[in-house]
Amino acid sequence: MKPTLQAVADAVGVSRSTVSNAYARPDQLSAALRQRILDTAKAIGYPGPNPTARSLRRGFVGSIGVLFTSQLSYAFTDPFAVRFLAGVSAAAERHGTSLLLVPLPQAPGDARRAVENAAVDGFCVYCVGDETWALDAIRDRGLPYVTTAHRPDAEPTHRYVGIDERDAARGIAAHVASLGHRRVALLGDTVLPDVPSGPLRLSKVGDVPHPTTHGRLAGFADAFAEVGVSWSDLTVLTAAGNDRGAAAAAVAGLLDRPDPPTAVLACSDVLALGVLDTLAARGPGAGPPVSVTGFDDIAEAAAVGLTTVRQPAEEKGRLAAELLLDPPADPAAGHVLLPTELVVRTSTGPAPRS
């Protein structure tokens, strides 16, 4: 049988609370008594109070949770996620707290239980798709949270650190439109749940549940609408995940159509890199040049000359954690909108003449 706190108390001849004080409130005991309790505990193999149970009893765990997609590996392999978590970690270190990465199973019931069972003091909601249900589960627990989705209509208690996704996407799409491109493909990951990579029939951008993907696709559409290209004239592609292989699968066969797109606007740099992989595999002279854009400005974007939108990944993570760990007295200060920058490189150029 595993030794218990009561066993230590019986062996020393003191109360359970006295043994507990030896671990949690040593100033309440004489040095000699505390040492006798610790020596006895060691002799009978008692490891000390359960830290999780102790923290839950006092209402403080000393850890914040970061909600991710169902793939925990995303936190270590996606370049933007890695930089974001570096910022979260810097703030956590400053406050002396730890991180718990919480991957969300695909089944809604299992995902909700993951939120309900996480031993944390609050949540940073990052990359979870339609986050409404997650926020409801967090609110039911009475815990604070910060999201990375900009919400112009956010309630005062809803803290976020984000960017104006739609405005930033509109800017890069306007750049592509100014180069004369009118046959355009828009590429996002998991635009709709449980849909394989490839072309997607989408009647309107409002059908996209993921707030980040929705904002970027809407911004792309805004810019092309200004030059007379309607939503129905745009080719919408979905990748089964935010990785290069999924992006390559999404554009497979697209460039062999009679009237292929002259530009592909991707919702992330990783997806854009997958498109560039496909173009490189076709070899020079396989067809007219295709302009490609990304979003985020990860390190590899500069190396391949990718036109993209730059956003401050580390700063986003750091500020999100700071809002969670040290919330401002003024609720309005909990709504943070970070700047973005259009970075034009060699992956975009004038549309080829017909």
Protein backbone atom coordinates (compact mmCIF):
# COMPACT_ATOMS: atom_id res chain seq x y z
CA MET A 1 0.00 0.00 0.00
CA LYS A 2 1.27 3.46 -0.88
CA PRO A 3 2.29 5.43 2.24
CA THR A 4 -0.07 8.30 3.09
CA LEU A 5 0.13 11.59 4.93
CA GLN A 6 -1.90 9.99 7.74
CA ALA A 7 0.72 7.23 8.05
CA VAL A 8 3.42 9.86 8.59
CA ALA A 9 1.27 11.64 11.19
CA ASP A 10 0.69 8.37 13.08
CA ALA A 11 4.39 7.48 13.01
CA VAL A 12 5.47 10.85 14.37
CA GLY A 13 2.53 11.22 16.75
CA VAL A 14 1.22 14.50 15.34
CA SER A 15 -1.89 15.61 13.44
CA ARG A 16 -2.37 15.49 9.66
CA SER A 17 -2.33 19.30 9.51
CA THR A 18 1.06 19.38 11.26
CA VAL A 19 2.51 17.04 8.63
CA SER A 20 0.94 19.16 5.89
CA ASN A 21 2.49 22.30 7.38
CA ALA A 22 5.90 20.65 7.25
CA TYR A 23 5.60 20.78 3.44
CA ALA A 24 3.41 23.79 2.74
CA ARG A 25 3.95 26.12 5.76
CA PRO A 26 7.31 25.27 7.35
CA ASP A 27 7.33 28.56 9.28
CA GLN A 28 4.53 27.14 11.46
CA LEU A 29 6.79 24.45 12.96
CA SER A 30 10.05 24.33 14.82
CA ALA A 31 12.99 23.31 12.67
CA ALA A 32 13.51 20.16 14.76
CA LEU A 33 9.89 18.97 14.43
CA ARG A 34 9.79 19.66 10.71
CA GLN A 35 13.00 17.71 10.17
CA ARG A 36 11.67 14.77 12.22
CA ILE A 37 8.53 14.71 10.04
CA LEU A 38 10.52 14.84 6.79
CA ASP A 39 12.91 12.12 8.00
CA THR A 40 10.00 9.88 8.97
CA ALA A 41 8.28 10.47 5.63
CA LYS A 42 11.44 9.52 3.79
CA ALA A 43 11.92 6.41 5.90
CA ILE A 44 8.45 5.04 5.16
CA GLY A 45 8.49 6.11 1.51
CA TYR A 46 5.96 8.95 1.58
CA PRO A 47 6.76 11.28 -1.40
CA GLY A 48 4.92 14.34 -0.11
CA PRO A 49 1.49 15.85 -0.91
CA ASN A 50 0.21 15.49 -4.46
CA PRO A 51 1.14 18.81 -6.12
CA THR A 52 -1.85 18.81 -8.45
CA ALA A 53 -4.35 18.14 -5.69
CA ARG A 54 -2.70 20.75 -3.49
CA SER A 55 -2.80 23.39 -6.24
CA LEU A 56 -6.44 22.66 -7.06
CA ARG A 57 -7.41 22.98 -3.39
CA ARG A 58 -5.86 26.42 -3.20
CA GLY A 59 -7.39 27.40 -6.56
CA PHE A 60 -4.04 28.05 -8.25
CA VAL A 61 -2.22 25.61 -10.50
CA GLY A 62 0.72 27.67 -11.74
CA SER A 63 0.19 26.75 -15.38
CA ILE A 64 -1.55 28.23 -18.41
CA GLY A 65 -2.98 26.12 -21.20
CA VAL A 66 -2.46 26.71 -24.91
CA LEU A 67 -5.24 25.21 -27.02
CA PHE A 68 -4.06 23.72 -30.31
CA THR A 69 -5.44 21.63 -33.12
CA SER A 70 -5.71 17.87 -32.71
CA GLN A 71 -2.07 17.49 -33.80
CA LEU A 72 0.29 18.27 -30.93
CA SER A 73 3.23 18.03 -33.34
CA TYR A 74 1.96 21.24 -34.95
CA ALA A 75 3.35 23.14 -31.97
CA PHE A 76 6.87 21.92 -32.80
CA THR A 77 6.83 21.76 -36.60
CA ASP A 78 4.85 24.76 -37.82
CA PRO A 79 7.28 27.72 -38.10
CA PHE A 80 4.77 30.35 -37.04
CA ALA A 81 3.49 28.27 -34.12
CA VAL A 82 7.06 27.76 -32.89
CA ARG A 83 7.69 31.50 -32.89
CA PHE A 84 4.34 32.20 -31.23
CA LEU A 85 5.07 29.71 -28.45
CA ALA A 86 8.50 31.26 -27.94
CA GLY A 87 6.73 34.52 -27.12
CA VAL A 88 4.25 32.78 -24.80
CA SER A 89 7.14 31.02 -23.04
CA ALA A 90 9.05 34.28 -22.50
CA ALA A 91 6.07 35.80 -20.71
CA ALA A 92 5.42 32.63 -18.71
CA GLU A 93 9.03 32.56 -17.52
CA ARG A 94 8.79 36.16 -16.41
CA HIS A 95 5.74 35.31 -14.30
CA GLY A 96 7.17 32.06 -12.95
CA THR A 97 4.50 29.86 -14.47
CA SER A 98 4.52 26.88 -16.81
CA LEU A 99 2.76 25.93 -20.06
CA LEU A 100 0.44 23.04 -20.81
CA LEU A 101 -0.12 22.34 -24.52
CA VAL A 102 -3.66 21.04 -24.95
CA PRO A 103 -4.28 19.31 -28.30
CA LEU A 104 -7.95 19.03 -29.11
CA PRO A 105 -9.35 15.70 -30.34
CA GLN A 106 -11.49 15.95 -33.45
CA ALA A 107 -14.61 14.56 -31.79
CA PRO A 108 -16.43 17.56 -30.21
CA GLY A 109 -17.26 15.72 -27.00
CA ASP A 110 -13.66 14.57 -26.52
CA ALA A 111 -12.38 18.05 -27.32
CA ARG A 112 -14.64 19.63 -24.72
CA ARG A 113 -13.47 17.13 -22.12
CA ALA A 114 -9.86 18.06 -22.93
CA VAL A 115 -10.68 21.66 -22.01
CA GLU A 116 -12.65 20.65 -18.92
CA ASN A 117 -9.93 18.34 -17.56
CA ALA A 118 -6.87 20.54 -18.18
CA ALA A 119 -5.30 21.58 -14.85
CA VAL A 120 -4.56 25.22 -15.70
CA ASP A 121 -5.31 28.71 -14.40
CA GLY A 122 -6.41 30.02 -17.80
CA PHE A 123 -6.20 29.44 -21.54
CA CYS A 124 -4.55 30.94 -24.57
CA VAL A 125 -6.77 29.91 -27.48
CA TYR A 126 -4.64 29.43 -30.60
CA CYS A 127 -5.44 27.67 -33.86
CA VAL A 128 -8.59 25.77 -32.89
CA GLY A 129 -10.84 26.54 -35.86
CA ASP A 130 -14.36 27.55 -34.86
CA GLU A 131 -13.54 28.55 -31.30
CA THR A 132 -17.06 29.29 -30.02
CA TRP A 133 -17.52 25.93 -28.31
CA ALA A 134 -14.03 26.16 -26.73
CA LEU A 135 -14.79 29.58 -25.27
CA ASP A 136 -18.10 28.28 -23.92
CA ALA A 137 -16.30 25.40 -22.18
CA ILE A 138 -13.73 27.77 -20.69
CA ARG A 139 -16.42 30.18 -19.48
CA ASP A 140 -18.27 27.27 -17.87
CA ARG A 141 -15.13 26.61 -15.82
CA GLY A 142 -14.93 30.27 -14.82
CA LEU A 143 -11.37 30.62 -16.13
CA PRO A 144 -9.84 33.59 -17.95
CA TYR A 145 -8.77 33.27 -21.56
CA VAL A 146 -7.09 35.18 -24.38
CA THR A 147 -7.60 34.43 -28.06
CA THR A 148 -5.55 35.30 -31.14
CA ALA A 149 -8.59 36.11 -33.27
CA HIS A 150 -9.38 39.80 -33.72
CA ARG A 151 -13.04 40.47 -32.93
CA PRO A 152 -14.20 44.04 -33.59
CA ASP A 153 -17.42 43.34 -31.66
CA ALA A 154 -15.71 41.63 -28.73
CA GLU A 155 -17.20 42.00 -25.28
CA PRO A 156 -15.01 43.75 -22.67
CA THR A 157 -14.25 40.44 -20.95
CA HIS A 158 -13.05 38.87 -24.22
CA ARG A 159 -9.32 39.59 -24.39
CA TYR A 160 -7.45 39.07 -27.65
CA VAL A 161 -4.15 39.79 -29.36
CA GLY A 162 -4.55 39.65 -33.11
CA ILE A 163 -4.18 41.36 -36.45
CA ASP A 164 -6.74 42.70 -38.88
CA GLU A 165 -6.68 39.55 -41.00
CA ARG A 166 -9.09 40.91 -43.59
CA ASP A 167 -7.30 44.22 -44.09
CA ALA A 168 -3.88 42.56 -44.35
CA ALA A 169 -5.18 40.03 -46.88
CA ARG A 170 -6.88 42.79 -48.85
CA GLY A 171 -3.53 44.58 -49.12
CA ILE A 172 -1.61 41.65 -50.58
CA ALA A 173 -4.47 40.77 -52.94
CA ALA A 174 -4.60 44.39 -54.15
CA HIS A 175 -0.89 44.11 -54.96
CA VAL A 176 -1.56 41.00 -57.06
CA ALA A 177 -4.54 42.65 -58.75
CA SER A 178 -2.43 45.71 -59.61
CA LEU A 179 -0.13 43.38 -61.57
CA GLY A 180 -3.03 42.52 -63.86
CA HIS A 181 -4.01 39.12 -62.43
CA ARG A 182 -7.66 38.24 -62.85
CA ARG A 183 -7.64 34.41 -62.99
CA VAL A 184 -6.79 33.73 -59.39
CA ALA A 185 -6.88 30.78 -56.97
CA LEU A 186 -7.26 31.21 -53.22
CA LEU A 187 -5.75 28.49 -51.02
CA GLY A 188 -6.49 27.89 -47.34
CA ASP A 189 -6.13 24.92 -45.01
CA THR A 190 -9.23 23.13 -43.70
CA VAL A 191 -11.44 25.80 -45.28
CA LEU A 192 -14.30 23.46 -44.41
CA PRO A 193 -14.00 20.58 -41.90
CA ASP A 194 -13.38 17.04 -43.16
CA VAL A 195 -12.90 17.99 -46.82
CA PRO A 196 -10.00 16.52 -48.83
CA SER A 197 -7.41 18.72 -50.54
CA GLY A 198 -8.48 20.21 -53.83
CA PRO A 199 -11.01 22.60 -55.41
CA LEU A 200 -13.93 23.53 -53.21
CA ARG A 201 -17.44 24.66 -54.06
CA LEU A 202 -18.14 27.49 -51.66
CA SER A 203 -21.13 29.73 -52.32
CA LYS A 204 -19.87 32.52 -50.08
CA VAL A 205 -16.92 33.27 -47.84
CA GLY A 206 -19.27 33.51 -44.88
CA ASP A 207 -19.53 29.71 -44.90
CA VAL A 208 -15.93 29.39 -43.64
CA PRO A 209 -16.01 28.69 -39.86
CA HIS A 210 -12.33 29.26 -39.00
CA PRO A 211 -12.02 32.97 -38.06
CA THR A 212 -8.48 33.36 -39.39
CA THR A 213 -9.09 31.62 -42.71
CA HIS A 214 -12.41 33.43 -43.06
CA GLY A 215 -10.76 36.81 -42.57
CA ARG A 216 -8.00 36.15 -45.07
CA LEU A 217 -10.26 34.75 -47.78
CA ALA A 218 -12.63 37.68 -47.29
CA GLY A 219 -9.78 40.15 -47.67
CA PHE A 220 -8.61 38.47 -50.88
CA ALA A 221 -12.16 38.60 -52.24
CA ASP A 222 -12.55 42.28 -51.30
CA ALA A 223 -9.54 43.32 -53.37
CA PHE A 224 -10.57 41.42 -56.47
CA ALA A 225 -14.15 42.62 -56.22
CA GLU A 226 -12.75 46.15 -56.57
CA VAL A 227 -11.35 45.23 -60.00
CA GLY A 228 -14.48 43.45 -61.16
CA VAL A 229 -13.67 39.85 -60.20
CA SER A 230 -16.56 38.38 -58.22
CA TRP A 231 -16.39 35.59 -55.65
CA SER A 232 -17.86 33.14 -58.15
CA ASP A 233 -15.02 33.94 -60.56
CA LEU A 234 -12.36 32.97 -58.02
CA THR A 235 -11.08 29.42 -57.64
CA VAL A 236 -11.16 28.34 -53.99
CA LEU A 237 -8.85 25.51 -52.93
CA THR A 238 -8.61 23.76 -49.59
CA ALA A 239 -5.62 21.89 -48.20
CA ALA A 240 -6.21 19.07 -45.71
CA GLY A 241 -3.69 20.66 -43.36
CA ASN A 242 -1.25 23.52 -43.07
CA ASP A 243 1.67 21.68 -44.66
CA ARG A 244 3.47 21.71 -47.97
CA GLY A 245 2.32 18.28 -49.06
CA ALA A 246 -1.33 19.16 -48.53
CA ALA A 247 -0.85 22.37 -50.51
CA ALA A 248 0.75 20.44 -53.37
CA ALA A 249 -2.20 18.04 -53.37
CA ALA A 250 -4.63 20.97 -53.41
CA VAL A 251 -3.15 22.49 -56.59
CA ALA A 252 -2.58 19.14 -58.35
CA GLY A 253 -4.04 19.35 -61.86
CA LEU A 254 -5.01 22.99 -61.44
CA LEU A 255 -2.21 24.30 -63.63
CA ASP A 256 -3.07 21.87 -66.45
CA ARG A 257 -6.51 23.36 -67.02
CA PRO A 258 -7.19 25.18 -70.32
CA ASP A 259 -7.27 28.53 -68.48
CA PRO A 260 -5.15 27.99 -65.36
CA PRO A 261 -4.89 30.70 -62.70
CA THR A 262 -2.07 33.16 -63.16
CA ALA A 263 -1.74 33.67 -59.40
CA VAL A 264 -2.27 31.62 -56.23
CA LEU A 265 -2.87 33.47 -52.98
CA ALA A 266 -2.26 31.22 -49.98
CA CYS A 267 -3.46 31.82 -46.43
CA SER A 268 -0.04 30.89 -44.99
CA ASP A 269 3.59 30.80 -46.06
CA VAL A 270 3.72 27.04 -45.52
CA LEU A 271 0.92 26.54 -48.06
CA ALA A 272 2.60 28.95 -50.46
CA LEU A 273 5.84 26.97 -50.20
CA GLY A 274 3.91 23.85 -51.19
CA VAL A 275 2.65 25.66 -54.29
CA LEU A 276 6.19 26.74 -55.15
CA ASP A 277 7.31 23.11 -54.73
CA THR A 278 4.72 22.08 -57.32
CA LEU A 279 5.83 24.79 -59.75
CA ALA A 280 9.47 23.83 -59.33
CA ALA A 281 8.67 20.16 -59.98
CA ARG A 282 7.07 21.10 -63.30
CA GLY A 283 10.33 22.56 -64.45
CA PRO A 284 11.04 25.71 -66.46
CA GLY A 285 8.96 26.27 -69.56
CA ALA A 286 6.10 24.05 -68.37
CA GLY A 287 3.70 26.96 -68.70
CA PRO A 288 3.29 30.68 -68.11
CA PRO A 289 4.74 32.00 -64.85
CA VAL A 290 2.42 31.85 -61.84
CA SER A 291 2.60 34.43 -59.08
CA VAL A 292 2.39 33.07 -55.53
CA THR A 293 1.83 34.86 -52.23
CA GLY A 294 1.87 33.71 -48.62
CA PHE A 295 1.02 35.04 -45.19
CA ASP A 296 3.10 35.33 -41.95
CA ASP A 297 6.68 35.88 -43.27
CA ILE A 298 8.35 32.83 -41.75
CA ALA A 299 12.13 32.53 -42.12
CA GLU A 300 12.01 30.46 -45.32
CA ALA A 301 9.83 33.01 -47.08
CA ALA A 302 12.75 35.37 -47.58
CA ALA A 303 15.03 32.56 -48.75
CA VAL A 304 12.70 31.67 -51.65
CA GLY A 305 11.67 35.24 -52.47
CA LEU A 306 8.05 34.81 -51.35
CA THR A 307 5.79 37.86 -51.37
CA THR A 308 3.89 37.75 -48.10
CA VAL A 309 2.35 39.57 -45.15
CA ARG A 310 4.61 40.01 -42.16
CA GLN A 311 3.13 39.77 -38.70
CA PRO A 312 4.96 39.71 -35.33
CA ALA A 313 4.65 36.08 -34.19
CA GLU A 314 6.73 36.27 -31.00
CA GLU A 315 5.12 39.55 -29.97
CA LYS A 316 1.67 38.07 -30.47
CA GLY A 317 2.51 35.14 -28.19
CA ARG A 318 4.19 37.29 -25.56
CA LEU A 319 1.34 39.80 -25.36
CA ALA A 320 -1.30 37.05 -25.28
CA ALA A 321 0.37 35.46 -22.26
CA GLU A 322 0.86 38.83 -20.57
CA LEU A 323 -2.85 39.63 -20.94
CA LEU A 324 -3.66 36.28 -19.37
CA LEU A 325 -1.15 36.45 -16.51
CA ASP A 326 -1.36 40.19 -15.78
CA PRO A 327 -4.71 41.45 -17.09
CA PRO A 328 -5.06 45.23 -17.38
CA ALA A 329 -7.48 47.14 -15.17
CA ASP A 330 -8.98 48.83 -18.24
CA PRO A 331 -10.95 46.23 -20.26
CA ALA A 332 -10.29 48.15 -23.48
CA ALA A 333 -6.57 47.51 -23.02
CA GLY A 334 -7.32 43.80 -23.40
CA HIS A 335 -8.13 44.29 -27.10
CA VAL A 336 -4.76 44.43 -28.89
CA LEU A 337 -4.43 44.84 -32.65
CA LEU A 338 -0.89 44.34 -33.95
CA PRO A 339 0.48 45.90 -37.15
CA THR A 340 1.22 43.98 -40.36
CA GLU A 341 3.40 44.76 -43.35
CA LEU A 342 3.22 43.80 -47.02
CA VAL A 343 6.59 42.37 -48.09
CA VAL A 344 6.96 42.24 -51.87
CA ARG A 345 9.53 39.81 -53.25
CA THR A 346 10.19 37.97 -56.49
CA SER A 347 7.38 35.39 -56.31
CA THR A 348 4.93 37.92 -57.75
CA GLY A 349 5.10 39.59 -61.15
CA PRO A 350 2.91 40.91 -63.96
CA ALA A 351 0.21 38.61 -65.26
CA PRO A 352 1.26 36.89 -68.51
CA ARG A 353 -0.33 38.25 -71.67
CA SER A 354 -3.01 36.06 -73.23
